[in-house]
Amino acid sequence: MTVHSSIVHAAVHIPEGRQSVTAVEDRFRAGNPTHPLSRGVLQRMYGLAERTVADDHDQPSDLAVHAARDLLADTGTDPAGIDLLLYAGILADMEEPATAHVVADKLGLRCPVFDLKNACNGVLNALEVADAFIRAGQYRRVLVATAEVSTRESRWTVDDPADVSTALPSLSTGDMGSALLVEASDRPGILGSRFFANSWGWQAATLPNPYAQHRRLGHLRIDSAQLAASFDGLPDKVRGALRELDVEGDDLDLVCVHQPSVPFTRVVCDWVGVDPSRILATFPTHGNVATNTIPLQLATALDTGRLQRGDLVGMFGFASGASAGVVVCRW
């Protein structure tokens, strides 16, 4: 019998903390009195209203565990039945060991684990890996977990006025944890995935390793124009991938795209050929939650009845590096 993989469920943990866009701008202005920042600039540039903020004591593993526990409870899954855990977050509890071990220990898992990282496309790549493992017969039930505490990378002060523009994107990030469960199935679930890269564009958005850089903290720096340029040619490849998978945008019952800002969301919709009105907007009230963005859209669609079993789902990611990917599944 041919073995397929199916995404069974999606769950998110949204921290209770909130920071309004006005509070974000006021704090940045207080830290940079000689670098004027116009009021309302983050709302106008990015479409941000407020962002989610985790408690100070919460580590990425804590947010991922909250989401995973909800998922296991929702699906009635025994933790002992998980065959593999993949942690796909950008941020981690520590450099060594893999944060997947920390998540597994807190969940009481005894299965193999490893971290998988590719900027904001980490979850989509984890789905690709889970699908391949399941179809190969290596594992039957894979838990994908991720979390970000990106608000802690906000650059509240800059030394050079010219750096203000590269600091602003860090002020629009949000904190969250999420989890997806992928299982072996006798029916096609994940129908296909394709990924592409322009690795020459890696310098457009960076968060240096503080240990490798011999300093206490890394600083998130994003050159938005350079980042946009790094996606050159990737939209055509993603549209070509849809054709290879014999799928058109209008065929999709649910479309999920990475959302680092409202304007970029519209751009991605144009790139992949879907109407922006079909997207569940998550950025304005959560911020850029990075690897959690697509799981958040899936979980929201499930909670609101927008996603039903049998629906055709397209998930599209464009991330720093630069990389682009698409995963198509039958829910």
Protein backbone atom coordinates (compact mmCIF):
# COMPACT_ATOMS: atom_id res chain seq x y z
CA MET A 1 0.00 0.00 0.00
CA THR A 2 1.25 3.46 -0.89
CA VAL A 3 1.88 5.59 2.21
CA HIS A 4 1.00 9.28 2.15
CA SER A 5 1.36 11.99 4.77
CA SER A 6 -1.42 14.23 6.05
CA ILE A 7 -1.42 17.34 8.23
CA VAL A 8 -3.82 16.40 11.01
CA HIS A 9 -4.04 19.59 13.06
CA ALA A 10 -2.51 22.99 13.80
CA ALA A 11 -2.39 24.81 17.13
CA VAL A 12 -0.87 28.07 18.35
CA HIS A 13 -0.03 29.60 21.69
CA ILE A 14 -0.56 33.35 21.63
CA PRO A 15 0.98 35.19 24.61
CA GLU A 16 -1.36 37.46 26.52
CA GLY A 17 1.05 40.40 26.42
CA ARG A 18 0.37 43.16 23.90
CA GLN A 19 2.33 46.21 22.84
CA SER A 20 0.56 48.86 20.78
CA VAL A 21 2.26 50.45 17.82
CA THR A 22 2.13 53.78 19.66
CA ALA A 23 3.98 52.29 22.64
CA VAL A 24 6.60 50.81 20.32
CA GLU A 25 7.22 54.14 18.59
CA ASP A 26 7.33 56.05 21.90
CA ARG A 27 9.98 53.71 23.30
CA PHE A 28 12.09 53.97 20.16
CA ARG A 29 11.88 57.78 20.22
CA ALA A 30 12.88 57.83 23.89
CA GLY A 31 15.98 55.78 23.10
CA ASN A 32 16.93 57.91 20.08
CA PRO A 33 16.21 61.55 20.94
CA THR A 34 18.52 62.80 18.19
CA HIS A 35 16.98 60.57 15.51
CA PRO A 36 13.41 61.82 14.94
CA LEU A 37 10.77 59.21 14.15
CA SER A 38 7.45 60.43 12.82
CA ARG A 39 4.37 59.33 14.74
CA GLY A 40 2.42 56.61 12.97
CA VAL A 41 5.32 55.57 10.73
CA LEU A 42 5.10 51.85 11.68
CA GLN A 43 1.40 51.77 10.96
CA ARG A 44 1.82 53.53 7.63
CA MET A 45 4.86 51.53 6.49
CA TYR A 46 3.93 48.08 7.80
CA GLY A 47 0.25 48.15 8.74
CA LEU A 48 0.97 47.31 12.39
CA ALA A 49 -1.62 47.99 15.09
CA GLU A 50 -0.18 45.93 17.96
CA ARG A 51 2.12 42.99 18.52
CA THR A 52 2.13 39.98 20.84
CA VAL A 53 4.74 39.93 23.61
CA ALA A 54 5.74 36.90 25.68
CA ASP A 55 6.41 37.04 29.42
CA ASP A 56 10.02 37.85 30.27
CA HIS A 57 10.64 34.38 31.73
CA ASP A 58 9.27 32.49 28.71
CA GLN A 59 11.82 30.75 26.52
CA PRO A 60 11.09 29.66 22.92
CA SER A 61 10.70 26.09 24.18
CA ASP A 62 7.97 27.20 26.62
CA LEU A 63 5.87 28.77 23.85
CA ALA A 64 6.36 25.74 21.60
CA VAL A 65 5.39 23.38 24.42
CA HIS A 66 2.19 25.32 25.18
CA ALA A 67 1.12 24.98 21.55
CA ALA A 68 2.14 21.33 21.32
CA ARG A 69 0.22 20.42 24.48
CA ASP A 70 -2.90 22.04 23.06
CA LEU A 71 -2.44 20.14 19.81
CA LEU A 72 -1.97 16.79 21.56
CA ALA A 73 -5.05 17.43 23.68
CA ASP A 74 -7.14 18.57 20.71
CA THR A 75 -6.29 15.44 18.73
CA GLY A 76 -6.26 12.99 21.64
CA THR A 77 -2.69 12.03 20.77
CA ASP A 78 -0.62 10.17 23.33
CA PRO A 79 2.87 11.75 23.55
CA ALA A 80 4.26 8.21 23.46
CA GLY A 81 2.86 7.92 19.93
CA ILE A 82 5.06 10.70 18.51
CA ASP A 83 7.85 9.16 16.43
CA LEU A 84 9.85 12.32 15.64
CA LEU A 85 9.94 15.93 16.83
CA LEU A 86 11.21 18.72 14.58
CA TYR A 87 11.83 22.17 16.08
CA ALA A 88 11.78 24.82 13.34
CA GLY A 89 12.15 28.14 15.16
CA ILE A 90 14.63 30.86 14.26
CA LEU A 91 15.26 31.58 17.94
CA ALA A 92 16.39 28.87 20.32
CA ASP A 93 16.83 28.42 24.05
CA MET A 94 20.56 27.83 23.57
CA GLU A 95 23.19 27.04 20.98
CA GLU A 96 23.71 23.51 22.30
CA PRO A 97 21.92 21.16 22.58
CA ALA A 98 19.16 21.40 20.01
CA THR A 99 16.10 23.18 21.39
CA ALA A 100 14.08 20.19 20.16
CA HIS A 101 15.53 18.27 23.13
CA VAL A 102 14.26 20.90 25.56
CA VAL A 103 10.80 20.83 23.98
CA ALA A 104 10.74 17.02 24.01
CA ASP A 105 11.77 16.84 27.65
CA LYS A 106 9.06 19.28 28.72
CA LEU A 107 6.48 17.28 26.73
CA GLY A 108 7.71 13.94 28.06
CA LEU A 109 8.63 12.64 24.58
CA ARG A 110 11.15 9.85 24.14
CA CYS A 111 11.44 9.94 20.34
CA PRO A 112 14.28 11.16 18.10
CA VAL A 113 14.45 14.96 17.72
CA PHE A 114 16.37 17.60 15.85
CA ASP A 115 16.28 21.31 15.00
CA LEU A 116 15.63 22.48 11.46
CA LYS A 117 16.26 26.13 10.63
CA ASN A 118 15.72 28.24 7.49
CA ALA A 119 14.63 31.70 8.67
CA CYS A 120 10.86 32.21 8.32
CA ASN A 121 10.52 29.17 6.03
CA GLY A 122 11.53 26.72 8.75
CA VAL A 123 8.05 25.28 9.24
CA LEU A 124 7.46 24.77 5.52
CA ASN A 125 10.80 22.98 5.25
CA ALA A 126 9.88 20.87 8.29
CA LEU A 127 6.68 19.82 6.52
CA GLU A 128 8.76 18.81 3.49
CA VAL A 129 11.05 16.73 5.70
CA ALA A 130 8.17 15.16 7.65
CA ASP A 131 6.44 14.24 4.40
CA ALA A 132 9.59 12.60 3.02
CA PHE A 133 10.25 10.63 6.22
CA ILE A 134 6.67 9.38 6.42
CA ARG A 135 6.44 8.37 2.77
CA ALA A 136 9.77 6.56 3.12
CA GLY A 137 8.38 4.56 6.05
CA GLN A 138 10.91 5.97 8.51
CA TYR A 139 8.30 7.48 10.86
CA ARG A 140 4.50 7.47 11.03
CA ARG A 141 3.75 10.46 13.28
CA VAL A 142 5.83 13.66 13.25
CA LEU A 143 5.33 16.67 15.51
CA VAL A 144 6.55 19.99 14.10
CA ALA A 145 6.98 22.71 16.73
CA THR A 146 8.25 26.26 16.53
CA ALA A 147 8.36 29.44 18.59
CA GLU A 148 9.74 32.95 18.44
CA VAL A 149 10.44 35.61 21.06
CA SER A 150 11.45 38.08 18.38
CA THR A 151 10.37 41.19 20.32
CA ARG A 152 13.53 40.71 22.39
CA GLU A 153 15.55 41.42 19.24
CA SER A 154 13.94 44.85 18.81
CA ARG A 155 16.59 47.51 18.26
CA TRP A 156 15.56 50.28 20.62
CA THR A 157 18.66 52.40 20.01
CA VAL A 158 20.81 53.07 16.95
CA ASP A 159 24.13 54.88 16.80
CA ASP A 160 23.79 56.20 13.26
CA PRO A 161 20.65 57.92 11.91
CA ALA A 162 21.22 56.01 8.67
CA ASP A 163 20.51 52.79 10.60
CA VAL A 164 16.99 53.79 11.60
CA SER A 165 15.50 52.23 8.45
CA THR A 166 17.26 48.89 9.12
CA ALA A 167 16.02 48.90 12.74
CA LEU A 168 12.33 49.58 12.05
CA PRO A 169 11.45 46.03 10.88
CA SER A 170 12.67 44.68 14.23
CA LEU A 171 10.00 46.81 15.93
CA SER A 172 7.20 45.02 14.08
CA THR A 173 7.98 41.46 15.23
CA GLY A 174 5.75 39.39 17.54
CA ASP A 175 6.12 36.43 19.92
CA MET A 176 4.26 33.12 19.53
CA GLY A 177 4.50 29.34 19.62
CA SER A 178 2.86 26.83 17.28
CA ALA A 179 2.68 23.14 16.44
CA LEU A 180 1.59 20.93 13.55
CA LEU A 181 0.96 17.20 13.55
CA VAL A 182 1.78 15.19 10.41
CA GLU A 183 0.75 11.54 10.19
CA ALA A 184 0.91 8.62 7.79
CA SER A 185 -2.31 8.28 5.81
CA ASP A 186 -3.85 6.02 3.20
CA ARG A 187 -5.06 9.08 1.28
CA PRO A 188 -2.93 11.84 -0.27
CA GLY A 189 -2.52 14.73 2.15
CA ILE A 190 0.64 16.67 1.38
CA LEU A 191 0.48 16.66 -2.41
CA GLY A 192 3.83 18.26 -3.10
CA SER A 193 6.39 20.86 -2.12
CA ARG A 194 9.03 22.87 -3.92
CA PHE A 195 11.77 25.12 -2.53
CA PHE A 196 14.19 27.57 -4.15
CA ALA A 197 17.01 29.83 -2.99
CA ASN A 198 18.99 32.93 -3.94
CA SER A 199 21.71 32.48 -1.35
CA TRP A 200 23.66 35.45 -2.70
CA GLY A 201 21.05 37.61 -0.92
CA TRP A 202 21.79 36.41 2.63
CA GLN A 203 23.14 39.76 3.86
CA ALA A 204 19.79 41.56 3.40
CA ALA A 205 18.39 40.40 6.75
CA THR A 206 20.70 39.17 9.49
CA LEU A 207 20.67 38.28 13.18
CA PRO A 208 24.30 37.47 13.99
CA ASN A 209 25.27 34.74 16.42
CA PRO A 210 26.49 36.66 19.50
CA TYR A 211 29.09 34.01 20.32
CA ALA A 212 30.58 33.95 16.83
CA GLN A 213 30.60 37.75 16.76
CA HIS A 214 32.30 37.98 20.19
CA ARG A 215 29.63 40.19 21.70
CA ARG A 216 26.85 39.71 24.19
CA LEU A 217 23.90 40.40 21.91
CA GLY A 218 23.16 40.02 18.24
CA HIS A 219 21.20 42.74 16.46
CA LEU A 220 18.43 42.16 13.96
CA ARG A 221 19.19 44.22 10.87
CA ILE A 222 16.95 44.24 7.81
CA ASP A 223 17.56 46.24 4.65
CA SER A 224 14.05 46.08 3.19
CA ALA A 225 15.03 47.18 -0.31
CA GLN A 226 17.92 44.73 -0.43
CA LEU A 227 15.68 41.96 0.91
CA ALA A 228 13.05 42.59 -1.76
CA ALA A 229 15.76 42.51 -4.44
CA SER A 230 17.05 39.17 -3.09
CA PHE A 231 13.81 37.50 -4.20
CA ASP A 232 14.62 38.17 -7.86
CA GLY A 233 13.32 35.32 -10.01
CA LEU A 234 11.84 33.34 -7.12
CA PRO A 235 8.16 34.28 -7.75
CA ASP A 236 8.42 32.84 -11.28
CA LYS A 237 9.83 29.62 -9.86
CA VAL A 238 7.04 29.34 -7.31
CA ARG A 239 4.38 29.86 -10.00
CA GLY A 240 6.17 27.25 -12.10
CA ALA A 241 6.08 24.88 -9.13
CA LEU A 242 2.30 25.29 -8.92
CA ARG A 243 2.04 24.35 -12.58
CA GLU A 244 4.19 21.26 -11.93
CA LEU A 245 1.81 20.31 -9.14
CA ASP A 246 -1.12 20.92 -11.51
CA VAL A 247 -2.61 23.56 -9.21
CA GLU A 248 -3.84 27.08 -9.92
CA GLY A 249 -4.45 29.80 -7.38
CA ASP A 250 -8.20 29.68 -7.95
CA ASP A 251 -8.19 25.95 -7.12
CA LEU A 252 -7.11 26.61 -3.54
CA ASP A 253 -9.75 26.67 -0.81
CA LEU A 254 -7.31 28.28 1.63
CA VAL A 255 -4.20 30.31 0.86
CA CYS A 256 -1.60 30.96 3.56
CA VAL A 257 1.35 33.28 2.94
CA HIS A 258 4.16 34.55 5.09
CA GLN A 259 3.23 38.00 6.43
CA PRO A 260 6.14 40.23 7.53
CA SER A 261 4.00 43.32 6.78
CA VAL A 262 0.71 44.24 5.16
CA PRO A 263 2.33 45.66 2.00
CA PHE A 264 4.58 42.61 1.58
CA THR A 265 1.57 40.33 2.00
CA ARG A 266 -0.07 42.07 -0.97
CA VAL A 267 3.15 41.68 -2.98
CA VAL A 268 3.33 37.95 -2.24
CA CYS A 269 -0.31 37.52 -3.27
CA ASP A 270 0.52 39.16 -6.59
CA TRP A 271 3.60 36.96 -6.96
CA VAL A 272 1.62 33.74 -6.50
CA GLY A 273 -1.49 34.93 -8.33
CA VAL A 274 -4.13 35.08 -5.58
CA ASP A 275 -6.50 37.84 -4.49
CA PRO A 276 -5.28 39.46 -1.21
CA SER A 277 -8.87 39.42 0.07
CA ARG A 278 -8.61 35.63 0.36
CA ILE A 279 -5.81 35.84 2.94
CA LEU A 280 -6.47 35.65 6.67
CA ALA A 281 -4.62 38.78 7.80
CA THR A 282 -2.53 38.07 10.89
CA PHE A 283 0.15 40.77 10.81
CA PRO A 284 -1.82 43.86 11.98
CA THR A 285 -2.77 42.39 15.37
CA HIS A 286 0.18 40.05 15.99
CA GLY A 287 3.16 41.50 14.14
CA ASN A 288 5.63 39.46 12.14
CA VAL A 289 5.60 36.18 14.07
CA ALA A 290 8.10 34.64 11.63
CA THR A 291 7.91 30.83 11.54
CA ASN A 292 4.54 30.93 13.31
CA THR A 293 2.79 32.92 10.58
CA ILE A 294 1.51 30.05 8.45
CA PRO A 295 0.58 27.81 11.43
CA LEU A 296 -1.33 30.80 12.83
CA GLN A 297 -3.33 31.11 9.62
CA LEU A 298 -4.09 27.38 9.62
CA ALA A 299 -5.17 27.41 13.27
CA THR A 300 -7.30 30.52 12.74
CA ALA A 301 -8.95 28.98 9.70
CA LEU A 302 -9.76 25.84 11.71
CA ASP A 303 -11.18 27.84 14.62
CA THR A 304 -13.37 29.99 12.36
CA GLY A 305 -14.58 27.20 10.08
CA ARG A 306 -12.66 28.49 7.07
CA LEU A 307 -10.76 25.21 6.81
CA GLN A 308 -12.59 21.89 6.45
CA ARG A 309 -11.39 18.34 5.91
CA GLY A 310 -10.83 17.80 2.19
CA ASP A 311 -10.03 21.44 1.41
CA LEU A 312 -7.10 22.19 -0.90
CA VAL A 313 -4.53 24.37 0.89
CA GLY A 314 -1.59 26.30 -0.54
CA MET A 315 1.16 27.54 1.80
CA PHE A 316 3.67 30.03 0.41
CA GLY A 317 6.83 31.28 2.08
CA PHE A 318 9.36 33.95 1.11
CA ALA A 319 12.13 34.29 3.68
CA SER A 320 15.49 35.94 4.19
CA GLY A 321 18.41 34.07 2.77
CA ALA A 322 16.72 34.35 0.36
CA SER A 323 14.44 31.35 -0.02
CA ALA A 324 10.98 30.66 -1.36
CA GLY A 325 8.77 27.64 -1.05
CA VAL A 326 5.31 26.23 -1.59
CA VAL A 327 3.56 23.31 0.09
CA VAL A 328 0.22 22.11 -1.28
CA CYS A 329 -1.93 19.75 0.74
CA ARG A 330 -5.38 18.25 0.89
CA TRP A 331 -6.53 18.88 4.46
